[in-house]
Every structure is written in C-alpha cells, then in structure tokens.
Amino acid sequence: MESGDKMTAEERRKWTFTLMDKVMTIHEQGKHYVHMEIANYEEGELISVYVMENGFEENKKYNLSKTCLTDFEPEELYQVADYLDSLIEDEEVSE
C-alpha cells in the first residue's frame, strides 16, 4: 500500500486477521487482559485493541487503548502489532 492510498478490502482483512491472531495468542497465554473490537465504518473498518498488562483489575488504566480507522491511520496498525508482539512470550520459554 502506497502512502495516501486507501487499503483494499484484502489488505484490511489481512490486518484484521493478523491482529486477531496476536490477540488470541496473548489471550491463550493468560497473563494479560486483551480485548479487540471490529466495526464497519463508511471509510473502512474501525479496529480497537485494549490491553491491561498482568491481567484485568477494576479502575486500572489500560496499557494500550488504541482505535484505528484502517483507511486513514494504517501506521497505527503497525504500532498496535508491535506492542502486541512485545507481550507474546516465546513458546519455547513458556513450556
């Protein structure tokens, strides 16, 4: 995708699945609270990701609370993906 271009439906779908895979991996590891929402929007998709490191606690602030409109903020998707990657433990170490 070139700078300033809108994402194609295929690119949006790929990003959605990429983030969902990372979210599910973190969820399965069970050490952090992670929540993801996807909503249709007339200019693309609205993807929201929320993370609380070390589990959910009432009145605790999210370590990550990011909402990205795919066609206008694609750079935000990279930031979210990098943050989620930082929470995923190496499978060899966790076994």
C-alpha atoms as a PDB file:
ATOM      1  CA  MET A   1       0.000   0.000   0.000  1.00  0.00           C
ATOM      2  CA  GLU A   2       1.449   3.353  -1.050  1.00  0.00           C
ATOM      3  CA  SER A   3       1.329   6.363   1.226  1.00  0.00           C
ATOM      4  CA  GLY A   4      -2.032   8.128   0.999  1.00  0.00           C
ATOM      5  CA  ASP A   5      -3.786   5.186  -0.672  1.00  0.00           C
ATOM      6  CA  LYS A   6      -6.773   3.573   0.950  1.00  0.00           C
ATOM      7  CA  MET A   7      -6.462  -0.056   1.937  1.00  0.00           C
ATOM      8  CA  THR A   8      -8.084  -2.639  -0.236  1.00  0.00           C
ATOM      9  CA  ALA A   9     -10.632  -4.990   1.301  1.00  0.00           C
ATOM     10  CA  GLU A  10      -7.994  -7.732   1.125  1.00  0.00           C
ATOM     11  CA  GLU A  11      -5.437  -5.602   2.998  1.00  0.00           C
ATOM     12  CA  ARG A  12      -7.985  -4.716   5.696  1.00  0.00           C
ATOM     13  CA  ARG A  13      -8.891  -8.395   6.054  1.00  0.00           C
ATOM     14  CA  LYS A  14      -5.209  -9.379   6.348  1.00  0.00           C
ATOM     15  CA  TRP A  15      -4.596  -6.772   9.078  1.00  0.00           C
ATOM     16  CA  THR A  16      -7.725  -7.836  10.948  1.00  0.00           C
ATOM     17  CA  PHE A  17      -6.630 -11.480  10.959  1.00  0.00           C
ATOM     18  CA  THR A  18      -3.046 -10.562  11.882  1.00  0.00           C
ATOM     19  CA  LEU A  19      -4.186  -8.577  14.913  1.00  0.00           C
ATOM     20  CA  MET A  20      -6.773 -11.213  15.869  1.00  0.00           C
ATOM     21  CA  ASP A  21      -4.069 -13.891  15.814  1.00  0.00           C
ATOM     22  CA  LYS A  22      -1.840 -11.829  18.098  1.00  0.00           C
ATOM     23  CA  VAL A  23      -4.759 -11.071  20.451  1.00  0.00           C
ATOM     24  CA  MET A  24      -5.697 -14.760  20.633  1.00  0.00           C
ATOM     25  CA  THR A  25      -2.101 -15.768  21.337  1.00  0.00           C
ATOM     26  CA  ILE A  26      -1.941 -13.291  24.248  1.00  0.00           C
ATOM     27  CA  HIS A  27      -5.342 -14.473  25.488  1.00  0.00           C
ATOM     28  CA  GLU A  28      -4.237 -18.118  25.400  1.00  0.00           C
ATOM     29  CA  GLN A  29      -1.095 -17.307  27.372  1.00  0.00           C
ATOM     30  CA  GLY A  30      -3.421 -15.974  30.084  1.00  0.00           C
ATOM     31  CA  LYS A  31      -1.112 -13.349  31.585  1.00  0.00           C
ATOM     32  CA  HIS A  32      -2.645 -10.174  30.164  1.00  0.00           C
ATOM     33  CA  TYR A  33      -6.181  -8.890  29.631  1.00  0.00           C
ATOM     34  CA  VAL A  34      -6.724  -8.174  25.947  1.00  0.00           C
ATOM     35  CA  HIS A  35      -9.858  -7.052  24.130  1.00  0.00           C
ATOM     36  CA  MET A  36     -10.425  -6.367  20.424  1.00  0.00           C
ATOM     37  CA  GLU A  37     -13.403  -4.880  18.602  1.00  0.00           C
ATOM     38  CA  ILE A  38     -14.041  -4.550  14.886  1.00  0.00           C
ATOM     39  CA  ALA A  39     -16.720  -2.298  13.430  1.00  0.00           C
ATOM     40  CA  ASN A  40     -17.726  -1.358   9.908  1.00  0.00           C
ATOM     41  CA  TYR A  41     -17.260   2.273   9.077  1.00  0.00           C
ATOM     42  CA  GLU A  42     -18.037   4.029   5.812  1.00  0.00           C
ATOM     43  CA  GLU A  43     -14.328   4.733   5.198  1.00  0.00           C
ATOM     44  CA  GLY A  44     -13.074   1.261   6.120  1.00  0.00           C
ATOM     45  CA  GLU A  45     -13.018  -0.598   9.389  1.00  0.00           C
ATOM     46  CA  LEU A  46     -12.606   0.638  12.904  1.00  0.00           C
ATOM     47  CA  ILE A  47     -10.322  -1.699  14.871  1.00  0.00           C
ATOM     48  CA  SER A  48      -9.962  -1.153  18.605  1.00  0.00           C
ATOM     49  CA  VAL A  49      -7.500  -3.002  20.827  1.00  0.00           C
ATOM     50  CA  TYR A  50      -7.277  -2.692  24.612  1.00  0.00           C
ATOM     51  CA  VAL A  51      -4.622  -4.300  26.807  1.00  0.00           C
ATOM     52  CA  MET A  52      -4.003  -4.414  30.549  1.00  0.00           C
ATOM     53  CA  GLU A  53      -0.665  -5.967  31.322  1.00  0.00           C
ATOM     54  CA  ASN A  54      -0.695  -8.567  34.104  1.00  0.00           C
ATOM     55  CA  GLY A  55      -4.463  -9.112  34.000  1.00  0.00           C
ATOM     56  CA  PHE A  56      -7.669  -7.186  34.437  1.00  0.00           C
ATOM     57  CA  GLU A  57      -8.245  -5.020  37.511  1.00  0.00           C
ATOM     58  CA  GLU A  58     -11.129  -2.662  38.170  1.00  0.00           C
ATOM     59  CA  ASN A  59     -10.238   1.016  37.850  1.00  0.00           C
ATOM     60  CA  LYS A  60      -6.854   0.138  36.351  1.00  0.00           C
ATOM     61  CA  LYS A  61      -5.809   2.097  33.288  1.00  0.00           C
ATOM     62  CA  TYR A  62      -5.151   0.285  30.030  1.00  0.00           C
ATOM     63  CA  ASN A  63      -1.530  -0.048  28.997  1.00  0.00           C
ATOM     64  CA  LEU A  64      -2.777   0.165  25.431  1.00  0.00           C
ATOM     65  CA  SER A  65      -6.059   1.655  24.297  1.00  0.00           C
ATOM     66  CA  LYS A  66      -5.917   2.233  20.558  1.00  0.00           C
ATOM     67  CA  THR A  67      -8.615   2.678  17.937  1.00  0.00           C
ATOM     68  CA  CYS A  68      -7.519   2.706  14.304  1.00  0.00           C
ATOM     69  CA  LEU A  69      -9.512   3.629  11.223  1.00  0.00           C
ATOM     70  CA  THR A  70      -7.848   1.347   8.690  1.00  0.00           C
ATOM     71  CA  ASP A  71      -8.013   3.632   5.658  1.00  0.00           C
ATOM     72  CA  PHE A  72      -6.804   6.770   7.419  1.00  0.00           C
ATOM     73  CA  GLU A  73      -4.446   5.536  10.139  1.00  0.00           C
ATOM     74  CA  PRO A  74      -2.642   2.460   8.792  1.00  0.00           C
ATOM     75  CA  GLU A  75       0.560   3.420  10.651  1.00  0.00           C
ATOM     76  CA  GLU A  76      -1.374   2.917  13.896  1.00  0.00           C
ATOM     77  CA  LEU A  77      -1.877  -0.737  12.961  1.00  0.00           C
ATOM     78  CA  TYR A  78       1.895  -1.248  12.885  1.00  0.00           C
ATOM     79  CA  GLN A  79       2.202   0.304  16.352  1.00  0.00           C
ATOM     80  CA  VAL A  80      -0.533  -1.948  17.745  1.00  0.00           C
ATOM     81  CA  ALA A  81       1.038  -5.035  16.152  1.00  0.00           C
ATOM     82  CA  ASP A  82       4.467  -4.171  17.595  1.00  0.00           C
ATOM     83  CA  TYR A  83       3.010  -3.663  21.079  1.00  0.00           C
ATOM     84  CA  LEU A  84       1.110  -6.960  20.942  1.00  0.00           C
ATOM     85  CA  ASP A  85       4.279  -8.717  19.757  1.00  0.00           C
ATOM     86  CA  SER A  86       6.075  -7.393  22.841  1.00  0.00           C
ATOM     87  CA  LEU A  87       3.554  -9.228  25.067  1.00  0.00           C
ATOM     88  CA  ILE A  88       3.762 -12.579  23.309  1.00  0.00           C
ATOM     89  CA  GLU A  89       6.071 -14.919  25.138  1.00  0.00           C
ATOM     90  CA  ASP A  90       8.441 -17.184  23.291  1.00  0.00           C
ATOM     91  CA  GLU A  91       6.689 -20.546  23.140  1.00  0.00           C
ATOM     92  CA  GLU A  92       9.886 -22.426  23.928  1.00  0.00           C
ATOM     93  CA  VAL A  93      10.343 -20.465  27.159  1.00  0.00           C
ATOM     94  CA  SER A  94       6.719 -20.808  28.324  1.00  0.00           C
ATOM     95  CA  GLU A  95       6.610 -24.599  28.055  1.00  0.00           C
END
